[in-house]
Amino acid sequence: MDQPMDKLYLDDFKPGDVIECGSVTITEPEIVEFATKYDPQSFHVDAEAAKESFFGGLIASGWQTASLAMRLLVDGYIHRSASMGSPGVDELRWLKPVRPGDTLTVRVNVEEVRPSTSKPDRGVLRSTTEVLNQHGEVVMTMKGMGMFKRRGEG
């Protein structure tokens, strides 16, 4: 990816590229607010009850971690790309708990770039997205694909 200021097309990516997408710090009120609305398990919404849980304290919902990762993906490169959406995610793994005060960083590892044989104006990028905490520990991985326009007619 040699053109950070230009719109990114499928042709700008190659296997082995690593896209850094920024960081965000998560707070206890954000964890509780999200979980209260979408994943109200006690270890997400009640700090005292969470102390008695398997996790030993309050943790973010994995769905919140995935949502934060998506926001960083959009801000980090999707907004400046010729993205056509995604046909799906093949695998999503939550590897370590995310706790209040953690700073999460997202990076995308490009694994495959494949122009479409039936529609030459587009193609598919397969990647593994990693979410890391401030200690460099991977807390979430997501394997998926995105569709991107190609330059010109391809």
Protein backbone atom coordinates (compact mmCIF):
# COMPACT_ATOMS: atom_id res chain seq x y z
CA MET A 1 0.00 0.00 0.00
CA ASP A 2 2.12 2.81 -1.32
CA GLN A 3 -0.56 5.49 -1.68
CA PRO A 4 -1.86 6.49 1.76
CA MET A 5 -3.42 9.73 0.56
CA ASP A 6 -5.17 8.26 -2.51
CA LYS A 7 -8.27 6.13 -2.49
CA LEU A 8 -7.25 2.50 -2.06
CA TYR A 9 -8.40 -0.02 -4.66
CA LEU A 10 -7.99 -3.78 -4.74
CA ASP A 11 -4.91 -3.27 -6.95
CA ASP A 12 -3.17 -1.36 -4.12
CA PHE A 13 -3.10 -4.35 -1.77
CA LYS A 14 -0.82 -7.38 -1.84
CA PRO A 15 -0.41 -10.44 0.37
CA GLY A 16 1.84 -9.62 3.31
CA ASP A 17 0.64 -6.04 3.65
CA VAL A 18 -0.05 -4.97 7.23
CA ILE A 19 -2.53 -2.15 7.75
CA GLU A 20 -2.39 -0.35 11.10
CA CYS A 21 -5.80 1.04 12.00
CA GLY A 22 -5.28 3.03 15.18
CA SER A 23 -6.18 2.58 18.83
CA VAL A 24 -8.94 3.25 21.32
CA THR A 25 -9.08 3.06 25.12
CA ILE A 26 -12.17 1.50 26.67
CA THR A 27 -13.61 2.74 29.96
CA GLU A 28 -15.70 1.05 32.63
CA PRO A 29 -18.77 3.22 31.91
CA GLU A 30 -18.53 2.32 28.20
CA ILE A 31 -18.33 -1.38 29.03
CA VAL A 32 -21.34 -1.22 31.34
CA GLU A 33 -23.40 0.92 28.94
CA PHE A 34 -22.80 -1.37 25.96
CA ALA A 35 -23.43 -4.54 27.95
CA THR A 36 -26.56 -3.17 29.59
CA LYS A 37 -28.03 -2.66 26.12
CA TYR A 38 -26.66 -5.65 24.24
CA ASP A 39 -25.00 -8.31 26.43
CA PRO A 40 -26.21 -7.97 30.04
CA GLN A 41 -24.20 -10.78 31.61
CA SER A 42 -23.14 -10.01 35.18
CA PHE A 43 -19.39 -9.90 34.42
CA HIS A 44 -20.11 -7.13 31.87
CA VAL A 45 -22.52 -4.98 33.87
CA ASP A 46 -21.79 -5.43 37.60
CA ALA A 47 -18.23 -4.83 38.82
CA GLU A 48 -18.91 -6.46 42.22
CA ALA A 49 -20.51 -9.58 40.76
CA ALA A 50 -17.74 -9.75 38.15
CA LYS A 51 -15.15 -10.13 40.94
CA GLU A 52 -16.74 -13.49 41.77
CA SER A 53 -16.82 -14.63 38.14
CA PHE A 54 -14.35 -16.78 36.23
CA PHE A 55 -12.80 -13.51 34.96
CA GLY A 56 -12.20 -12.04 38.42
CA GLY A 57 -13.42 -8.60 37.39
CA LEU A 58 -15.41 -6.58 34.90
CA ILE A 59 -14.72 -7.31 31.22
CA ALA A 60 -16.03 -5.96 27.94
CA SER A 61 -18.43 -7.99 25.86
CA GLY A 62 -16.70 -9.68 22.95
CA TRP A 63 -19.30 -8.03 20.75
CA GLN A 64 -18.17 -4.65 22.03
CA THR A 65 -14.57 -5.55 21.22
CA ALA A 66 -15.69 -6.53 17.70
CA SER A 67 -17.64 -3.27 17.37
CA LEU A 68 -14.65 -1.19 18.47
CA ALA A 69 -12.47 -3.10 16.00
CA MET A 70 -14.95 -2.37 13.22
CA ARG A 71 -14.87 1.33 14.03
CA LEU A 72 -11.08 1.34 13.88
CA LEU A 73 -11.17 -0.60 10.59
CA VAL A 74 -13.52 1.96 9.06
CA ASP A 75 -11.49 4.92 10.33
CA GLY A 76 -8.15 3.27 9.56
CA TYR A 77 -8.67 2.30 5.95
CA ILE A 78 -12.18 1.37 4.81
CA HIS A 79 -13.33 5.02 4.60
CA ARG A 80 -10.47 5.79 2.23
CA SER A 81 -10.87 2.70 0.12
CA ALA A 82 -13.07 1.61 -2.74
CA SER A 83 -14.79 -0.87 -0.43
CA MET A 84 -17.91 -2.63 -1.65
CA GLY A 85 -18.72 -4.27 1.67
CA SER A 86 -18.03 -7.78 2.85
CA PRO A 87 -19.57 -11.14 2.04
CA GLY A 88 -18.82 -12.25 5.59
CA VAL A 89 -16.51 -13.31 8.36
CA ASP A 90 -15.17 -16.85 8.41
CA GLU A 91 -13.91 -16.88 12.00
CA LEU A 92 -14.10 -14.67 15.07
CA ARG A 93 -12.15 -15.53 18.22
CA TRP A 94 -12.00 -13.80 21.59
CA LEU A 95 -8.67 -14.87 23.08
CA LYS A 96 -8.26 -12.69 26.20
CA PRO A 97 -10.63 -10.54 28.24
CA VAL A 98 -10.72 -6.81 27.60
CA ARG A 99 -10.81 -4.82 30.82
CA PRO A 100 -11.57 -1.19 31.74
CA GLY A 101 -8.63 1.02 30.80
CA ASP A 102 -7.30 -1.31 28.10
CA THR A 103 -6.09 0.37 24.94
CA LEU A 104 -6.94 -1.69 21.88
CA THR A 105 -5.03 -1.46 18.61
CA VAL A 106 -6.20 -2.99 15.34
CA ARG A 107 -4.07 -4.29 12.52
CA VAL A 108 -5.04 -6.10 9.35
CA ASN A 109 -2.83 -8.74 7.77
CA VAL A 110 -3.60 -9.13 4.06
CA GLU A 111 -3.48 -12.80 3.08
CA GLU A 112 -4.95 -12.95 -0.41
CA VAL A 113 -5.92 -10.47 -3.11
CA ARG A 114 -8.00 -12.03 -5.86
CA PRO A 115 -9.57 -10.20 -8.80
CA SER A 116 -12.97 -11.53 -9.79
CA THR A 117 -13.00 -13.66 -12.93
CA SER A 118 -16.64 -12.84 -13.71
CA LYS A 119 -16.65 -9.14 -12.77
CA PRO A 120 -13.33 -7.51 -13.73
CA ASP A 121 -14.18 -4.24 -11.98
CA ARG A 122 -13.82 -5.81 -8.52
CA GLY A 123 -12.24 -8.49 -6.38
CA VAL A 124 -11.87 -9.97 -2.91
CA LEU A 125 -9.29 -9.30 -0.23
CA ARG A 126 -8.93 -12.01 2.44
CA SER A 127 -7.36 -10.94 5.71
CA THR A 128 -6.87 -11.65 9.37
CA THR A 129 -7.63 -8.76 11.69
CA GLU A 130 -5.92 -8.73 15.08
CA VAL A 131 -6.96 -6.67 18.08
CA LEU A 132 -4.14 -6.18 20.57
CA ASN A 133 -4.14 -4.68 24.04
CA GLN A 134 -1.57 -2.22 25.40
CA HIS A 135 0.69 -5.15 26.39
CA GLY A 136 0.86 -6.41 22.80
CA GLU A 137 -1.36 -9.39 23.62
CA VAL A 138 -3.82 -10.44 20.92
CA VAL A 139 -7.30 -10.27 22.48
CA MET A 140 -9.37 -10.95 19.35
CA THR A 141 -8.86 -12.25 15.83
CA MET A 142 -11.20 -12.14 12.88
CA LYS A 143 -10.70 -13.85 9.54
CA GLY A 144 -12.80 -12.48 6.76
CA MET A 145 -12.99 -10.90 3.39
CA GLY A 146 -13.83 -7.60 1.80
CA MET A 147 -14.88 -6.71 -1.70
CA PHE A 148 -13.09 -3.80 -3.36
CA LYS A 149 -13.35 -2.04 -6.70
CA ARG A 150 -10.41 -2.24 -9.07
CA ARG A 151 -8.89 0.73 -10.85
CA GLY A 152 -10.47 1.38 -14.23
CA GLU A 153 -11.89 -1.77 -15.80
CA GLY A 154 -9.43 -4.06 -14.04
